[in-house]
PDB file of N, CA and C in Angstrom:
ATOM      1  N   MET A   1      -8.510 -12.562  10.569  1.00  0.00           N
ATOM      2  CA  MET A   1      -8.056 -13.263   9.398  1.00  0.00           C
ATOM      3  C   MET A   1      -7.957 -12.257   8.245  1.00  0.00           C
ATOM      4  N   PRO A   2      -6.884 -12.253   7.505  1.00  0.00           N
ATOM      5  CA  PRO A   2      -6.752 -11.339   6.353  1.00  0.00           C
ATOM      6  C   PRO A   2      -7.860 -11.581   5.335  1.00  0.00           C
ATOM      7  N   THR A   3      -8.242 -10.525   4.695  1.00  0.00           N
ATOM      8  CA  THR A   3      -9.298 -10.595   3.690  1.00  0.00           C
ATOM      9  C   THR A   3      -8.802  -9.996   2.399  1.00  0.00           C
ATOM     10  N   ASN A   4      -9.083 -10.649   1.302  1.00  0.00           N
ATOM     11  CA  ASN A   4      -8.780 -10.105  -0.021  1.00  0.00           C
ATOM     12  C   ASN A   4     -10.084  -9.781  -0.714  1.00  0.00           C
ATOM     13  N   VAL A   5     -10.146  -8.596  -1.290  1.00  0.00           N
ATOM     14  CA  VAL A   5     -11.286  -8.191  -2.082  1.00  0.00           C
ATOM     15  C   VAL A   5     -10.751  -7.801  -3.448  1.00  0.00           C
ATOM     16  N   ASP A   6     -11.251  -8.413  -4.482  1.00  0.00           N
ATOM     17  CA  ASP A   6     -10.786  -8.128  -5.839  1.00  0.00           C
ATOM     18  C   ASP A   6     -11.792  -7.263  -6.573  1.00  0.00           C
ATOM     19  N   PHE A   7     -11.274  -6.343  -7.366  1.00  0.00           N
ATOM     20  CA  PHE A   7     -12.094  -5.467  -8.177  1.00  0.00           C
ATOM     21  C   PHE A   7     -11.615  -5.565  -9.624  1.00  0.00           C
ATOM     22  N   SER A   8     -12.531  -5.448 -10.541  1.00  0.00           N
ATOM     23  CA  SER A   8     -12.147  -5.333 -11.955  1.00  0.00           C
ATOM     24  C   SER A   8     -13.188  -4.504 -12.672  1.00  0.00           C
ATOM     25  N   TRP A   9     -12.742  -3.819 -13.694  1.00  0.00           N
ATOM     26  CA  TRP A   9     -13.620  -3.009 -14.530  1.00  0.00           C
ATOM     27  C   TRP A   9     -12.990  -2.894 -15.892  1.00  0.00           C
ATOM     28  N   VAL A  10     -13.780  -2.490 -16.843  1.00  0.00           N
ATOM     29  CA  VAL A  10     -13.345  -2.469 -18.243  1.00  0.00           C
ATOM     30  C   VAL A  10     -13.001  -1.057 -18.704  1.00  0.00           C
ATOM     31  N   LEU A  11     -13.779  -0.098 -18.321  1.00  0.00           N
ATOM     32  CA  LEU A  11     -13.629   1.262 -18.843  1.00  0.00           C
ATOM     33  C   LEU A  11     -12.516   2.037 -18.140  1.00  0.00           C
ATOM     34  N   PRO A  12     -11.519   2.489 -18.874  1.00  0.00           N
ATOM     35  CA  PRO A  12     -10.473   3.327 -18.259  1.00  0.00           C
ATOM     36  C   PRO A  12     -11.059   4.583 -17.617  1.00  0.00           C
ATOM     37  N   SER A  13     -12.172   5.041 -18.125  1.00  0.00           N
ATOM     38  CA  SER A  13     -12.791   6.244 -17.561  1.00  0.00           C
ATOM     39  C   SER A  13     -13.283   6.012 -16.129  1.00  0.00           C
ATOM     40  N   ALA A  14     -13.373   4.771 -15.693  1.00  0.00           N
ATOM     41  CA  ALA A  14     -13.818   4.445 -14.331  1.00  0.00           C
ATOM     42  C   ALA A  14     -12.659   4.312 -13.349  1.00  0.00           C
ATOM     43  N   ASP A  15     -11.423   4.484 -13.812  1.00  0.00           N
ATOM     44  CA  ASP A  15     -10.267   4.282 -12.940  1.00  0.00           C
ATOM     45  C   ASP A  15     -10.317   5.077 -11.651  1.00  0.00           C
ATOM     46  N   GLU A  16     -10.504   6.373 -11.747  1.00  0.00           N
ATOM     47  CA  GLU A  16     -10.489   7.209 -10.545  1.00  0.00           C
ATOM     48  C   GLU A  16     -11.669   6.882  -9.633  1.00  0.00           C
ATOM     49  N   THR A  17     -12.835   6.647 -10.209  1.00  0.00           N
ATOM     50  CA  THR A  17     -14.000   6.269  -9.394  1.00  0.00           C
ATOM     51  C   THR A  17     -13.740   4.970  -8.643  1.00  0.00           C
ATOM     52  N   MET A  18     -13.176   3.994  -9.320  1.00  0.00           N
ATOM     53  CA  MET A  18     -12.909   2.709  -8.670  1.00  0.00           C
ATOM     54  C   MET A  18     -11.833   2.834  -7.604  1.00  0.00           C
ATOM     55  N   LYS A  19     -10.817   3.651  -7.842  1.00  0.00           N
ATOM     56  CA  LYS A  19      -9.804   3.876  -6.807  1.00  0.00           C
ATOM     57  C   LYS A  19     -10.441   4.477  -5.573  1.00  0.00           C
ATOM     58  N   ASP A  20     -11.333   5.444  -5.776  1.00  0.00           N
ATOM     59  CA  ASP A  20     -12.038   6.059  -4.641  1.00  0.00           C
ATOM     60  C   ASP A  20     -12.887   5.046  -3.899  1.00  0.00           C
ATOM     61  N   VAL A  21     -13.597   4.190  -4.648  1.00  0.00           N
ATOM     62  CA  VAL A  21     -14.412   3.137  -4.030  1.00  0.00           C
ATOM     63  C   VAL A  21     -13.538   2.206  -3.197  1.00  0.00           C
ATOM     64  N   MET A  22     -12.412   1.799  -3.739  1.00  0.00           N
ATOM     65  CA  MET A  22     -11.520   0.893  -3.009  1.00  0.00           C
ATOM     66  C   MET A  22     -11.002   1.531  -1.721  1.00  0.00           C
ATOM     67  N   LYS A  23     -10.649   2.821  -1.790  1.00  0.00           N
ATOM     68  CA  LYS A  23     -10.181   3.527  -0.608  1.00  0.00           C
ATOM     69  C   LYS A  23     -11.278   3.647   0.440  1.00  0.00           C
ATOM     70  N   GLN A  24     -12.506   3.900   0.004  1.00  0.00           N
ATOM     71  CA  GLN A  24     -13.620   4.000   0.929  1.00  0.00           C
ATOM     72  C   GLN A  24     -13.898   2.657   1.611  1.00  0.00           C
ATOM     73  N   ILE A  25     -13.851   1.585   0.845  1.00  0.00           N
ATOM     74  CA  ILE A  25     -14.083   0.259   1.415  1.00  0.00           C
ATOM     75  C   ILE A  25     -12.982  -0.081   2.429  1.00  0.00           C
ATOM     76  N   GLU A  26     -11.736   0.207   2.067  1.00  0.00           N
ATOM     77  CA  GLU A  26     -10.634  -0.044   3.004  1.00  0.00           C
ATOM     78  C   GLU A  26     -10.837   0.729   4.285  1.00  0.00           C
ATOM     79  N   ALA A  27     -11.193   2.018   4.164  1.00  0.00           N
ATOM     80  CA  ALA A  27     -11.395   2.853   5.343  1.00  0.00           C
ATOM     81  C   ALA A  27     -12.559   2.317   6.197  1.00  0.00           C
ATOM     82  N   ASN A  28     -13.630   1.875   5.572  1.00  0.00           N
ATOM     83  CA  ASN A  28     -14.781   1.334   6.311  1.00  0.00           C
ATOM     84  C   ASN A  28     -14.422   0.045   7.024  1.00  0.00           C
ATOM     85  N   ILE A  29     -13.710  -0.848   6.361  1.00  0.00           N
ATOM     86  CA  ILE A  29     -13.307  -2.109   6.981  1.00  0.00           C
ATOM     87  C   ILE A  29     -12.375  -1.842   8.166  1.00  0.00           C
ATOM     88  N   THR A  30     -11.421  -0.932   7.980  1.00  0.00           N
ATOM     89  CA  THR A  30     -10.500  -0.580   9.072  1.00  0.00           C
ATOM     90  C   THR A  30     -11.267   0.007  10.243  1.00  0.00           C
ATOM     91  N   ALA A  31     -12.209   0.918   9.963  1.00  0.00           N
ATOM     92  CA  ALA A  31     -12.993   1.541  11.038  1.00  0.00           C
ATOM     93  C   ALA A  31     -13.804   0.496  11.791  1.00  0.00           C
ATOM     94  N   GLN A  32     -14.381  -0.454  11.086  1.00  0.00           N
ATOM     95  CA  GLN A  32     -15.153  -1.512  11.746  1.00  0.00           C
ATOM     96  C   GLN A  32     -14.250  -2.388  12.617  1.00  0.00           C
ATOM     97  N   ALA A  33     -13.081  -2.717  12.105  1.00  0.00           N
ATOM     98  CA  ALA A  33     -12.155  -3.538  12.882  1.00  0.00           C
ATOM     99  C   ALA A  33     -11.718  -2.812  14.146  1.00  0.00           C
ATOM    100  N   VAL A  34     -11.403  -1.537  14.038  1.00  0.00           N
ATOM    101  CA  VAL A  34     -11.001  -0.740  15.193  1.00  0.00           C
ATOM    102  C   VAL A  34     -12.142  -0.664  16.192  1.00  0.00           C
ATOM    103  N   ALA A  35     -13.360  -0.452  15.691  1.00  0.00           N
ATOM    104  CA  ALA A  35     -14.545  -0.376  16.555  1.00  0.00           C
ATOM    105  C   ALA A  35     -14.773  -1.671  17.315  1.00  0.00           C
ATOM    106  N   GLN A  36     -14.311  -2.768  16.758  1.00  0.00           N
ATOM    107  CA  GLN A  36     -14.486  -4.069  17.393  1.00  0.00           C
ATOM    108  C   GLN A  36     -13.259  -4.462  18.223  1.00  0.00           C
ATOM    109  N   GLY A  37     -12.349  -3.499  18.411  1.00  0.00           N
ATOM    110  CA  GLY A  37     -11.238  -3.728  19.308  1.00  0.00           C
ATOM    111  C   GLY A  37      -9.952  -4.211  18.656  1.00  0.00           C
ATOM    112  N   GLN A  38      -9.909  -4.246  17.343  1.00  0.00           N
ATOM    113  CA  GLN A  38      -8.685  -4.675  16.657  1.00  0.00           C
ATOM    114  C   GLN A  38      -7.693  -3.514  16.595  1.00  0.00           C
ATOM    115  N   ASP A  39      -6.439  -3.776  16.841  1.00  0.00           N
ATOM    116  CA  ASP A  39      -5.390  -2.748  16.822  1.00  0.00           C
ATOM    117  C   ASP A  39      -4.813  -2.658  15.408  1.00  0.00           C
ATOM    118  N   VAL A  40      -5.608  -2.153  14.460  1.00  0.00           N
ATOM    119  CA  VAL A  40      -5.188  -2.121  13.073  1.00  0.00           C
ATOM    120  C   VAL A  40      -5.218  -0.726  12.449  1.00  0.00           C
ATOM    121  N   ALA A  41      -5.471   0.297  13.247  1.00  0.00           N
ATOM    122  CA  ALA A  41      -5.598   1.637  12.688  1.00  0.00           C
ATOM    123  C   ALA A  41      -4.346   2.063  11.934  1.00  0.00           C
ATOM    124  N   ASN A  42      -3.183   1.651  12.418  1.00  0.00           N
ATOM    125  CA  ASN A  42      -1.926   2.013  11.768  1.00  0.00           C
ATOM    126  C   ASN A  42      -1.147   0.792  11.282  1.00  0.00           C
ATOM    127  N   ALA A  43      -1.878  -0.264  11.017  1.00  0.00           N
ATOM    128  CA  ALA A  43      -1.210  -1.488  10.555  1.00  0.00           C
ATOM    129  C   ALA A  43      -0.551  -1.268   9.197  1.00  0.00           C
ATOM    130  N   ALA A  44       0.582  -1.909   8.992  1.00  0.00           N
ATOM    131  CA  ALA A  44       1.278  -1.803   7.708  1.00  0.00           C
ATOM    132  C   ALA A  44       0.431  -2.420   6.609  1.00  0.00           C
ATOM    133  N   LYS A  45       0.513  -1.841   5.433  1.00  0.00           N
ATOM    134  CA  LYS A  45      -0.202  -2.372   4.271  1.00  0.00           C
ATOM    135  C   LYS A  45       0.708  -3.352   3.539  1.00  0.00           C
ATOM    136  N   TYR A  46       0.119  -4.359   2.977  1.00  0.00           N
ATOM    137  CA  TYR A  46       0.881  -5.370   2.233  1.00  0.00           C
ATOM    138  C   TYR A  46       1.178  -4.799   0.858  1.00  0.00           C
ATOM    139  N   GLY A  47       2.462  -4.657   0.525  1.00  0.00           N
ATOM    140  CA  GLY A  47       2.877  -3.988  -0.708  1.00  0.00           C
ATOM    141  C   GLY A  47       2.306  -4.563  -1.981  1.00  0.00           C
ATOM    142  N   ASN A  48       2.143  -5.873  -2.058  1.00  0.00           N
ATOM    143  CA  ASN A  48       1.628  -6.487  -3.275  1.00  0.00           C
ATOM    144  C   ASN A  48       0.153  -6.190  -3.496  1.00  0.00           C
ATOM    145  N   GLU A  49      -0.536  -5.706  -2.490  1.00  0.00           N
ATOM    146  CA  GLU A  49      -1.957  -5.455  -2.631  1.00  0.00           C
ATOM    147  C   GLU A  49      -2.321  -4.010  -2.351  1.00  0.00           C
ATOM    148  N   ALA A  50      -1.340  -3.166  -2.098  1.00  0.00           N
ATOM    149  CA  ALA A  50      -1.593  -1.753  -1.828  1.00  0.00           C
ATOM    150  C   ALA A  50      -1.865  -1.006  -3.119  1.00  0.00           C
ATOM    151  N   LEU A  51      -2.729   0.008  -3.036  1.00  0.00           N
ATOM    152  CA  LEU A  51      -2.969   0.851  -4.198  1.00  0.00           C
ATOM    153  C   LEU A  51      -1.687   1.610  -4.565  1.00  0.00           C
ATOM    154  N   GLY A  52      -1.552   1.957  -5.812  1.00  0.00           N
ATOM    155  CA  GLY A  52      -0.336   2.566  -6.324  1.00  0.00           C
ATOM    156  C   GLY A  52       0.084   3.862  -5.656  1.00  0.00           C
ATOM    157  N   ASP A  53      -0.879   4.579  -5.062  1.00  0.00           N
ATOM    158  CA  ASP A  53      -0.529   5.849  -4.404  1.00  0.00           C
ATOM    159  C   ASP A  53      -0.300   5.689  -2.901  1.00  0.00           C
ATOM    160  N   THR A  54      -0.164   4.447  -2.450  1.00  0.00           N
ATOM    161  CA  THR A  54       0.131   4.194  -1.038  1.00  0.00           C
ATOM    162  C   THR A  54       1.573   4.620  -0.756  1.00  0.00           C
ATOM    163  N   SER A  55       1.765   5.322   0.347  1.00  0.00           N
ATOM    164  CA  SER A  55       3.120   5.777   0.683  1.00  0.00           C
ATOM    165  C   SER A  55       3.971   4.576   1.127  1.00  0.00           C
ATOM    166  N   ILE A  56       5.262   4.688   0.907  1.00  0.00           N
ATOM    167  CA  ILE A  56       6.126   3.605   1.368  1.00  0.00           C
ATOM    168  C   ILE A  56       6.154   3.547   2.888  1.00  0.00           C
ATOM    169  N   GLU A  57       5.878   4.656   3.543  1.00  0.00           N
ATOM    170  CA  GLU A  57       5.793   4.660   5.009  1.00  0.00           C
ATOM    171  C   GLU A  57       4.632   3.787   5.487  1.00  0.00           C
ATOM    172  N   ALA A  58       3.530   3.791   4.723  1.00  0.00           N
ATOM    173  CA  ALA A  58       2.382   2.951   5.096  1.00  0.00           C
ATOM    174  C   ALA A  58       2.681   1.472   4.918  1.00  0.00           C
ATOM    175  N   ILE A  59       3.638   1.164   4.081  1.00  0.00           N
ATOM    176  CA  ILE A  59       4.001  -0.236   3.828  1.00  0.00           C
ATOM    177  C   ILE A  59       5.145  -0.669   4.756  1.00  0.00           C
ATOM    178  N   TYR A  60       6.181   0.133   4.872  1.00  0.00           N
ATOM    179  CA  TYR A  60       7.385  -0.257   5.612  1.00  0.00           C
ATOM    180  C   TYR A  60       7.503   0.377   6.990  1.00  0.00           C
ATOM    181  N   GLY A  61       6.608   1.293   7.332  1.00  0.00           N
ATOM    182  CA  GLY A  61       6.602   1.908   8.658  1.00  0.00           C
ATOM    183  C   GLY A  61       7.892   2.589   9.022  1.00  0.00           C
ATOM    184  N   SER A  62       8.337   2.355  10.250  1.00  0.00           N
ATOM    185  CA  SER A  62       9.536   3.025  10.760  1.00  0.00           C
ATOM    186  C   SER A  62      10.826   2.486  10.145  1.00  0.00           C
ATOM    187  N   ASN A  63      10.722   1.499   9.279  1.00  0.00           N
ATOM    188  CA  ASN A  63      11.912   0.916   8.650  1.00  0.00           C
ATOM    189  C   ASN A  63      12.359   1.652   7.389  1.00  0.00           C
ATOM    190  N   VAL A  64      11.603   2.656   6.961  1.00  0.00           N
ATOM    191  CA  VAL A  64      11.876   3.314   5.672  1.00  0.00           C
ATOM    192  C   VAL A  64      13.293   3.858   5.590  1.00  0.00           C
ATOM    193  N   GLU A  65      13.721   4.611   6.591  1.00  0.00           N
ATOM    194  CA  GLU A  65      15.060   5.224   6.508  1.00  0.00           C
ATOM    195  C   GLU A  65      16.153   4.170   6.480  1.00  0.00           C
ATOM    196  N   ARG A  66      16.012   3.116   7.285  1.00  0.00           N
ATOM    197  CA  ARG A  66      17.000   2.045   7.284  1.00  0.00           C
ATOM    198  C   ARG A  66      17.039   1.345   5.930  1.00  0.00           C
ATOM    199  N   LEU A  67      15.861   1.088   5.349  1.00  0.00           N
ATOM    200  CA  LEU A  67      15.808   0.438   4.043  1.00  0.00           C
ATOM    201  C   LEU A  67      16.359   1.341   2.935  1.00  0.00           C
ATOM    202  N   ARG A  68      16.117   2.641   3.034  1.00  0.00           N
ATOM    203  CA  ARG A  68      16.700   3.596   2.070  1.00  0.00           C
ATOM    204  C   ARG A  68      18.225   3.531   2.129  1.00  0.00           C
ATOM    205  N   SER A  69      18.741   3.495   3.335  1.00  0.00           N
ATOM    206  CA  SER A  69      20.185   3.439   3.505  1.00  0.00           C
ATOM    207  C   SER A  69      20.765   2.160   2.908  1.00  0.00           C
ATOM    208  N   ILE A  70      20.118   1.045   3.151  1.00  0.00           N
ATOM    209  CA  ILE A  70      20.548  -0.243   2.567  1.00  0.00           C
ATOM    210  C   ILE A  70      20.468  -0.161   1.049  1.00  0.00           C
ATOM    211  N   HIS A  71      19.383   0.395   0.544  1.00  0.00           N
ATOM    212  CA  HIS A  71      19.201   0.517  -0.915  1.00  0.00           C
ATOM    213  C   HIS A  71      20.333   1.345  -1.538  1.00  0.00           C
ATOM    214  N   GLU A  72      20.665   2.459  -0.909  1.00  0.00           N
ATOM    215  CA  GLU A  72      21.728   3.324  -1.434  1.00  0.00           C
ATOM    216  C   GLU A  72      23.087   2.625  -1.428  1.00  0.00           C
ATOM    217  N   GLU A  73      23.318   1.812  -0.417  1.00  0.00           N
ATOM    218  CA  GLU A  73      24.590   1.099  -0.317  1.00  0.00           C
ATOM    219  C   GLU A  73      24.678  -0.058  -1.317  1.00  0.00           C
ATOM    220  N   VAL A  74      23.599  -0.819  -1.428  1.00  0.00           N
ATOM    221  CA  VAL A  74      23.614  -2.030  -2.248  1.00  0.00           C
ATOM    222  C   VAL A  74      23.344  -1.721  -3.719  1.00  0.00           C
ATOM    223  N   ASP A  75      22.562  -0.707  -3.996  1.00  0.00           N
ATOM    224  CA  ASP A  75      22.152  -0.413  -5.377  1.00  0.00           C
ATOM    225  C   ASP A  75      22.326   1.078  -5.669  1.00  0.00           C
ATOM    226  N   PRO A  76      23.571   1.585  -5.642  1.00  0.00           N
ATOM    227  CA  PRO A  76      23.798   3.022  -5.814  1.00  0.00           C
ATOM    228  C   PRO A  76      23.343   3.550  -7.188  1.00  0.00           C
ATOM    229  N   ASP A  77      23.268   2.679  -8.189  1.00  0.00           N
ATOM    230  CA  ASP A  77      22.824   3.106  -9.516  1.00  0.00           C
ATOM    231  C   ASP A  77      21.323   2.933  -9.708  1.00  0.00           C
ATOM    232  N   ASN A  78      20.624   2.497  -8.667  1.00  0.00           N
ATOM    233  CA  ASN A  78      19.174   2.346  -8.672  1.00  0.00           C
ATOM    234  C   ASN A  78      18.668   1.420  -9.793  1.00  0.00           C
ATOM    235  N   VAL A  79      19.375   0.341 -10.009  1.00  0.00           N
ATOM    236  CA  VAL A  79      18.965  -0.625 -11.021  1.00  0.00           C
ATOM    237  C   VAL A  79      17.592  -1.207 -10.678  1.00  0.00           C
ATOM    238  N   MET A  80      17.356  -1.495  -9.406  1.00  0.00           N
ATOM    239  CA  MET A  80      16.064  -2.043  -8.998  1.00  0.00           C
ATOM    240  C   MET A  80      14.943  -1.049  -9.219  1.00  0.00           C
ATOM    241  N   GLY A  81      15.257   0.217  -9.340  1.00  0.00           N
ATOM    242  CA  GLY A  81      14.229   1.214  -9.622  1.00  0.00           C
ATOM    243  C   GLY A  81      13.590   1.015 -10.992  1.00  0.00           C
ATOM    244  N   LEU A  82      14.238   0.246 -11.839  1.00  0.00           N
ATOM    245  CA  LEU A  82      13.706  -0.039 -13.166  1.00  0.00           C
ATOM    246  C   LEU A  82      12.650  -1.139 -13.137  1.00  0.00           C
ATOM    247  N   ALA A  83      12.549  -1.805 -11.980  1.00  0.00           N
ATOM    248  CA  ALA A  83      11.692  -3.006 -11.898  1.00  0.00           C
ATOM    249  C   ALA A  83      10.245  -2.714 -11.581  1.00  0.00           C
ATOM    250  N   GLY A  84       9.889  -1.502 -11.273  1.00  0.00           N
ATOM    251  CA  GLY A  84       8.516  -1.201 -10.900  1.00  0.00           C
ATOM    252  C   GLY A  84       8.321  -1.328  -9.416  1.00  0.00           C
ATOM    253  N   GLY A  85       7.106  -1.176  -8.976  1.00  0.00           N
ATOM    254  CA  GLY A  85       6.794  -1.291  -7.550  1.00  0.00           C
ATOM    255  C   GLY A  85       7.016  -0.008  -6.790  1.00  0.00           C
ATOM    256  N   PHE A  86       6.950  -0.116  -5.460  1.00  0.00           N
ATOM    257  CA  PHE A  86       7.097   1.057  -4.602  1.00  0.00           C
ATOM    258  C   PHE A  86       8.579   1.397  -4.490  1.00  0.00           C
ATOM    259  N   LYS A  87       8.881   2.682  -4.632  1.00  0.00           N
ATOM    260  CA  LYS A  87      10.269   3.147  -4.713  1.00  0.00           C
ATOM    261  C   LYS A  87      10.757   3.737  -3.412  1.00  0.00           C
ATOM    262  N   PHE A  88      12.050   3.494  -3.139  1.00  0.00           N
ATOM    263  CA  PHE A  88      12.728   4.175  -2.045  1.00  0.00           C
ATOM    264  C   PHE A  88      13.344   5.415  -2.610  1.00  0.00           C
TER     265      PHE A  88
END
């Protein structure tokens, strides 16, 4: 079953520490799931909940090149690039 863990903090000076904590927790949960026989070591990450430095390959997997091609065809001026989020 998917699990959501929420974090919040007030001090901007804690940003990097909290990002590291979140990455460690994710790695520990994944390691435990794999140890228990779950095939999630290379599971795609959900874009709406992925950390900002997550690669688009980790979100879209082997579909990245096809999606880039579609993006170039449909949005040659990269208007959607102004909207935020993970970029092709």
